[in-house]
């Protein structure tokens, strides 16, 4: 894209930003449905701890930022043409209580889908997954965490992978590069299970793109059910806009997976921390990937996420 065209788009975006913000704060679905793009990964939370208490009785002061509600998310995302969002349950704040996200989905069932949290050690985990499918939950986040380093151990996690093959709910892996070989084994074992890798599997979190890590990530392309979120730019590479140092990694993934298996996501509200912004994130894919066609760009910004999460 030429500098003149980039400047023209920026002027247009700036001229309507204020109006869009006003329009979308508290927007109904008739308004958001007019916007073309899907954010495949954002968190939300509220200061209403009476209705939505934090896990372990944490105080409101732990919330960073203090408030990022569904309305606040849509007001920010709408300025960049994003009308639908996949909401990700935030375990540190709410644990396995997905009620705030589910209530947001009930208000806007066409705007939101949910990647929930579930206790895999529950003997009824497969039944619970099927029940949650009726409340907008088309994926479940899994991965090592301070409470569960042995996240691939036990009958429950196996039941999750088996049930997901039946329900089409995605197993969404929040992992580090060193976890990729183990995930590959499970993808080979459960070939019918849809799997999504969050945030490039954090390849590049230390400021450099390790060739072995990237090879392990692209190696997952041999499993047809695996998709990758190209997201969380604020945490990778130089960790500041314009994020162009991540383009070679995105290109490698595009060559390995194709546009049908890659999806853009912001990881808001964390992408909103200065000097980063929501617009910086989407602009990388929307404006500066010069090796993809307009058809492929639409897949990265909409179609893949739609087919992955919005089928129900």
Protein backbone atom coordinates (compact mmCIF):
# COMPACT_ATOMS: atom_id res chain seq x y z
CA UNK A 1 0.00 0.00 0.00
CA UNK A 2 1.33 3.43 -0.93
CA UNK A 3 2.08 6.12 1.66
CA UNK A 4 -0.66 8.27 0.13
CA UNK A 5 -3.25 5.51 0.49
CA UNK A 6 -2.17 4.82 4.07
CA UNK A 7 -2.49 8.53 4.85
CA UNK A 8 -5.91 8.68 3.20
CA UNK A 9 -7.17 5.76 5.27
CA UNK A 10 -5.83 7.33 8.45
CA UNK A 11 -7.63 10.61 7.69
CA UNK A 12 -10.90 8.80 7.05
CA UNK A 13 -10.55 6.75 10.21
CA UNK A 14 -9.77 9.83 12.26
CA UNK A 15 -12.73 11.75 10.91
CA UNK A 16 -15.23 9.12 12.01
CA UNK A 17 -13.60 7.85 15.21
CA UNK A 18 -15.48 10.14 17.56
CA UNK A 19 -18.80 9.33 15.97
CA UNK A 20 -18.15 5.60 16.09
CA UNK A 21 -17.19 5.78 19.75
CA UNK A 22 -20.45 7.51 20.56
CA UNK A 23 -22.43 5.08 18.41
CA UNK A 24 -20.96 1.89 19.83
CA UNK A 25 -20.83 2.61 23.53
CA UNK A 26 -23.76 0.51 24.65
CA UNK A 27 -24.39 -0.53 21.04
CA UNK A 28 -27.05 -3.01 20.06
CA UNK A 29 -26.42 -5.70 17.49
CA UNK A 30 -27.97 -3.77 14.61
CA UNK A 31 -25.10 -1.32 14.97
CA UNK A 32 -22.22 -3.75 15.51
CA UNK A 33 -23.39 -6.06 12.71
CA UNK A 34 -22.51 -3.36 10.16
CA UNK A 35 -18.81 -3.63 11.02
CA UNK A 36 -16.80 -6.20 9.03
CA UNK A 37 -14.08 -7.61 11.27
CA UNK A 38 -13.86 -10.16 14.09
CA UNK A 39 -11.48 -9.94 17.02
CA UNK A 40 -10.74 -13.57 17.89
CA UNK A 41 -9.44 -12.86 21.40
CA UNK A 42 -10.35 -10.25 24.02
CA UNK A 43 -10.95 -10.24 27.75
CA UNK A 44 -13.62 -8.28 29.60
CA UNK A 45 -14.43 -7.67 33.26
CA UNK A 46 -16.45 -5.37 35.47
CA UNK A 47 -16.16 -3.61 38.82
CA UNK A 48 -19.56 -5.03 39.81
CA UNK A 49 -18.09 -7.51 42.27
CA UNK A 50 -21.42 -7.99 44.01
CA UNK A 51 -22.84 -9.76 40.97
CA UNK A 52 -19.54 -11.02 39.55
CA UNK A 53 -17.11 -11.62 42.45
CA UNK A 54 -13.45 -12.24 41.76
CA UNK A 55 -11.88 -15.59 42.61
CA UNK A 56 -10.47 -16.02 46.11
CA UNK A 57 -12.30 -12.85 47.23
CA UNK A 58 -9.78 -10.59 45.50
CA UNK A 59 -10.50 -6.83 45.80
CA UNK A 60 -11.40 -4.62 42.87
CA UNK A 61 -7.93 -3.05 43.01
CA UNK A 62 -6.39 -6.13 41.32
CA UNK A 63 -8.21 -5.36 38.06
CA UNK A 64 -5.85 -3.87 35.49
CA UNK A 65 -7.31 -1.84 33.91
CA UNK A 66 -9.90 -1.30 36.60
CA UNK A 67 -12.81 -1.70 34.17
CA UNK A 68 -13.08 -3.20 30.70
CA UNK A 69 -16.70 -4.13 30.15
CA UNK A 70 -18.36 -5.50 27.04
CA UNK A 71 -19.59 -1.98 26.24
CA UNK A 72 -16.11 -0.52 26.67
CA UNK A 73 -14.62 -3.23 24.47
CA UNK A 74 -17.08 -2.62 21.63
CA UNK A 75 -16.54 1.13 21.84
CA UNK A 76 -12.80 0.64 21.29
CA UNK A 77 -13.05 -2.19 18.75
CA UNK A 78 -15.71 -0.45 16.69
CA UNK A 79 -13.37 2.40 15.84
CA UNK A 80 -11.26 -0.14 13.93
CA UNK A 81 -14.18 -1.80 12.16
CA UNK A 82 -14.54 -4.73 14.55
CA UNK A 83 -18.15 -5.74 15.16
CA UNK A 84 -17.81 -9.24 16.64
CA UNK A 85 -15.49 -10.57 19.33
CA UNK A 86 -14.50 -13.89 20.86
CA UNK A 87 -14.46 -13.33 24.62
CA UNK A 88 -11.81 -15.21 26.62
CA UNK A 89 -12.47 -16.20 30.21
CA UNK A 90 -9.75 -14.70 32.42
CA UNK A 91 -8.77 -17.33 34.97
CA UNK A 92 -6.74 -15.05 37.29
CA UNK A 93 -9.80 -12.90 37.93
CA UNK A 94 -12.78 -15.24 37.72
CA UNK A 95 -11.43 -18.79 37.71
CA UNK A 96 -14.07 -21.18 36.37
CA UNK A 97 -16.97 -18.74 36.84
CA UNK A 98 -17.84 -17.79 33.25
CA UNK A 99 -21.04 -15.96 34.20
CA UNK A 100 -19.98 -12.43 33.19
CA UNK A 101 -19.04 -13.55 29.69
CA UNK A 102 -22.18 -15.65 29.35
CA UNK A 103 -24.34 -12.70 30.41
CA UNK A 104 -22.58 -10.52 27.80
CA UNK A 105 -23.37 -13.20 25.19
CA UNK A 106 -27.02 -13.28 26.28
CA UNK A 107 -27.26 -9.54 25.64
CA UNK A 108 -25.60 -9.80 22.21
CA UNK A 109 -25.73 -13.43 21.02
CA UNK A 110 -24.70 -12.53 17.48
CA UNK A 111 -21.82 -10.30 18.55
CA UNK A 112 -19.99 -12.57 21.00
CA UNK A 113 -18.72 -16.11 21.33
CA UNK A 114 -16.90 -17.43 24.38
CA UNK A 115 -13.77 -19.39 25.13
CA UNK A 116 -14.54 -20.54 28.65
CA UNK A 117 -12.69 -22.08 31.55
CA UNK A 118 -13.73 -25.45 32.92
CA UNK A 119 -12.40 -27.72 35.65
CA UNK A 120 -11.13 -30.78 33.79
CA UNK A 121 -10.91 -32.70 37.07
CA UNK A 122 -14.70 -32.62 37.30
CA UNK A 123 -15.84 -36.20 36.52
CA UNK A 124 -18.71 -34.71 34.49
CA UNK A 125 -16.49 -32.43 32.41
CA UNK A 126 -17.76 -33.79 29.09
CA UNK A 127 -21.38 -33.23 30.09
CA UNK A 128 -20.55 -29.73 31.33
CA UNK A 129 -18.90 -28.88 28.00
CA UNK A 130 -22.04 -29.88 26.11
CA UNK A 131 -24.22 -27.81 28.42
CA UNK A 132 -22.01 -24.75 28.00
CA UNK A 133 -22.26 -25.01 24.22
CA UNK A 134 -25.83 -23.78 24.65
CA UNK A 135 -24.55 -20.55 26.23
CA UNK A 136 -22.22 -19.35 23.49
CA UNK A 137 -19.15 -21.31 24.63
CA UNK A 138 -17.49 -22.66 21.48
CA UNK A 139 -14.05 -23.15 22.98
CA UNK A 140 -12.19 -23.85 26.20
CA UNK A 141 -8.87 -22.42 27.31
CA UNK A 142 -6.28 -24.91 28.54
CA UNK A 143 -2.59 -24.74 29.35
CA UNK A 144 -0.07 -24.76 32.17
CA UNK A 145 -0.73 -22.26 34.93
CA UNK A 146 0.32 -21.73 38.56
CA UNK A 147 -2.56 -23.95 39.70
CA UNK A 148 -1.96 -26.69 37.17
CA UNK A 149 1.48 -27.28 35.68
CA UNK A 150 0.53 -30.89 34.86
CA UNK A 151 -2.27 -29.70 32.59
CA UNK A 152 -2.04 -32.66 30.19
CA UNK A 153 -2.30 -35.24 32.98
CA UNK A 154 -5.42 -37.09 34.05
CA UNK A 155 -8.60 -38.57 32.65
CA UNK A 156 -10.41 -35.22 32.61
CA UNK A 157 -8.19 -33.51 30.07
CA UNK A 158 -8.47 -36.57 27.84
CA UNK A 159 -12.23 -36.36 28.15
CA UNK A 160 -12.09 -32.72 27.10
CA UNK A 161 -10.17 -33.53 23.91
CA UNK A 162 -12.51 -36.41 23.10
CA UNK A 163 -15.67 -34.39 23.78
CA UNK A 164 -14.39 -31.44 21.72
CA UNK A 165 -14.10 -33.73 18.70
CA UNK A 166 -17.81 -34.44 19.09
CA UNK A 167 -19.07 -30.96 19.94
CA UNK A 168 -16.64 -28.99 17.71
CA UNK A 169 -15.71 -26.80 20.68
CA UNK A 170 -12.13 -25.66 20.28
CA UNK A 171 -9.33 -26.63 22.64
CA UNK A 172 -7.56 -23.27 22.91
CA UNK A 173 -3.99 -23.65 24.13
CA UNK A 174 -2.32 -20.80 26.02
CA UNK A 175 1.21 -22.17 25.96
CA UNK A 176 4.87 -21.31 25.71
CA UNK A 177 7.21 -22.50 22.94
CA UNK A 178 8.54 -25.35 25.07
CA UNK A 179 5.02 -26.80 25.27
CA UNK A 180 4.67 -27.19 21.49
CA UNK A 181 6.08 -30.74 21.24
CA UNK A 182 3.60 -32.01 23.85
CA UNK A 183 0.70 -30.28 22.11
CA UNK A 184 1.80 -31.83 18.81
CA UNK A 185 1.57 -35.29 20.37
CA UNK A 186 -1.98 -34.62 21.50
CA UNK A 187 -2.96 -33.21 18.11
CA UNK A 188 -1.69 -36.44 16.58
CA UNK A 189 -3.60 -38.52 19.10
CA UNK A 190 -6.90 -36.63 18.75
CA UNK A 191 -6.93 -35.77 15.07
CA UNK A 192 -10.63 -34.83 15.00
CA UNK A 193 -10.34 -32.31 17.83
CA UNK A 194 -10.30 -28.63 16.76
CA UNK A 195 -7.31 -26.91 18.33
CA UNK A 196 -6.41 -23.21 18.47
CA UNK A 197 -2.96 -21.98 19.51
CA UNK A 198 -3.12 -18.59 21.20
CA UNK A 199 -0.64 -15.75 20.56
CA UNK A 200 1.81 -17.63 18.27
CA UNK A 201 2.46 -19.94 21.27
CA UNK A 202 4.34 -16.89 22.59
CA UNK A 203 7.16 -17.37 20.09
CA UNK A 204 9.06 -14.08 20.25
CA UNK A 205 8.16 -13.18 23.81
CA UNK A 206 11.85 -12.79 24.67
CA UNK A 207 12.32 -10.28 21.85
CA UNK A 208 13.64 -12.68 19.21
CA UNK A 209 12.09 -15.30 16.93
CA UNK A 210 13.84 -18.57 17.71
CA UNK A 211 14.12 -20.73 14.58
CA UNK A 212 13.48 -23.99 16.43
CA UNK A 213 10.40 -22.61 18.19
CA UNK A 214 9.00 -21.30 14.92
CA UNK A 215 9.68 -24.66 13.25
CA UNK A 216 7.77 -26.42 16.03
CA UNK A 217 4.87 -24.01 15.58
CA UNK A 218 4.72 -24.32 11.80
CA UNK A 219 5.06 -28.08 12.22
CA UNK A 220 1.54 -28.18 13.64
CA UNK A 221 0.28 -27.40 10.14
CA UNK A 222 0.33 -31.14 9.37
CA UNK A 223 -2.67 -31.52 11.68
CA UNK A 224 -5.68 -30.14 9.75
CA UNK A 225 -7.62 -29.27 12.90
CA UNK A 226 -5.05 -26.77 14.20
CA UNK A 227 -5.47 -23.02 13.80
CA UNK A 228 -3.24 -20.19 15.01
CA UNK A 229 -4.09 -16.81 16.49
CA UNK A 230 -1.71 -14.13 15.23
CA UNK A 231 -2.20 -11.91 18.24
CA UNK A 232 -0.81 -10.18 21.35
CA UNK A 233 1.70 -8.02 19.50
CA UNK A 234 2.28 -5.87 22.60
CA UNK A 235 3.99 -8.90 24.25
CA UNK A 236 6.17 -10.06 21.35
CA UNK A 237 9.21 -8.84 19.45
CA UNK A 238 9.94 -5.19 20.27
CA UNK A 239 6.62 -4.98 22.14
CA UNK A 240 5.74 -1.63 20.59
CA UNK A 241 4.20 -0.35 17.36
CA UNK A 242 4.31 -0.67 14.45
CA UNK A 243 5.11 -4.39 15.16
CA UNK A 244 6.58 -4.85 11.68
CA UNK A 245 9.31 -7.15 13.04
CA UNK A 246 6.57 -9.79 13.42
CA UNK A 247 5.72 -9.78 9.70
CA UNK A 248 8.32 -12.43 8.75
CA UNK A 249 6.86 -14.81 11.36
CA UNK A 250 3.34 -14.16 10.11
CA UNK A 251 4.53 -14.85 6.59
CA UNK A 252 6.05 -18.17 7.61
CA UNK A 253 2.80 -19.17 9.28
CA UNK A 254 0.83 -18.05 6.24
CA UNK A 255 3.00 -20.24 4.02
CA UNK A 256 2.53 -23.22 6.37
CA UNK A 257 -1.14 -22.91 7.33
CA UNK A 258 -2.74 -20.67 4.73
CA UNK A 259 -5.22 -17.91 5.48
CA UNK A 260 -8.01 -20.39 6.27
CA UNK A 261 -6.21 -21.44 9.45
CA UNK A 262 -4.91 -18.11 10.75
CA UNK A 263 -6.92 -15.45 12.57
CA UNK A 264 -6.10 -11.99 13.87
CA UNK A 265 -6.85 -11.10 17.48
CA UNK A 266 -6.02 -8.18 19.74
CA UNK A 267 -5.73 -9.63 23.26
CA UNK A 268 -7.42 -6.48 24.54
CA UNK A 269 -7.30 -4.79 26.96
CA UNK A 270 -3.60 -5.63 27.24
CA UNK A 271 -2.93 -4.44 23.68
CA UNK A 272 -4.22 -1.04 24.81
CA UNK A 273 -1.28 -0.39 27.14
CA UNK A 274 0.90 2.49 25.97
CA UNK A 275 2.64 2.86 23.61
CA UNK A 276 0.45 0.19 21.99
CA UNK A 277 -3.15 0.55 20.87
CA UNK A 278 -5.99 -1.49 19.41
CA UNK A 279 -5.59 0.23 16.06
CA UNK A 280 -1.86 -0.60 16.01
CA UNK A 281 -2.76 -4.26 16.28
CA UNK A 282 -5.33 -4.55 13.51
CA UNK A 283 -3.42 -2.18 11.23
CA UNK A 284 -0.54 -4.62 10.94
CA UNK A 285 -2.77 -7.19 9.23
CA UNK A 286 -5.22 -4.81 7.59
CA UNK A 287 -2.69 -2.41 6.05
CA UNK A 288 0.85 -3.79 5.99
CA UNK A 289 0.94 -7.47 5.03
CA UNK A 290 1.91 -6.95 1.40
CA UNK A 291 2.21 -10.67 0.60
CA UNK A 292 -1.50 -11.51 0.92
CA UNK A 293 -4.49 -10.85 -1.33
CA UNK A 294 -7.60 -8.95 -0.28
CA UNK A 295 -9.44 -12.28 -0.13
CA UNK A 296 -6.83 -13.69 2.26
CA UNK A 297 -6.87 -10.50 4.32
CA UNK A 298 -10.61 -10.94 4.86
CA UNK A 299 -9.96 -14.49 6.01
CA UNK A 300 -7.39 -13.34 8.56
CA UNK A 301 -9.64 -10.55 9.86
CA UNK A 302 -13.00 -12.30 9.73
CA UNK A 303 -13.67 -15.56 7.93
CA UNK A 304 -11.37 -17.92 9.85
CA UNK A 305 -12.60 -16.72 13.24
CA UNK A 306 -16.19 -16.90 12.02
CA UNK A 307 -15.83 -20.51 10.91
CA UNK A 308 -13.88 -21.44 14.04
CA UNK A 309 -16.04 -19.83 16.73
CA UNK A 310 -19.28 -18.45 15.29
CA UNK A 311 -20.66 -21.64 13.68
CA UNK A 312 -23.07 -22.26 16.60
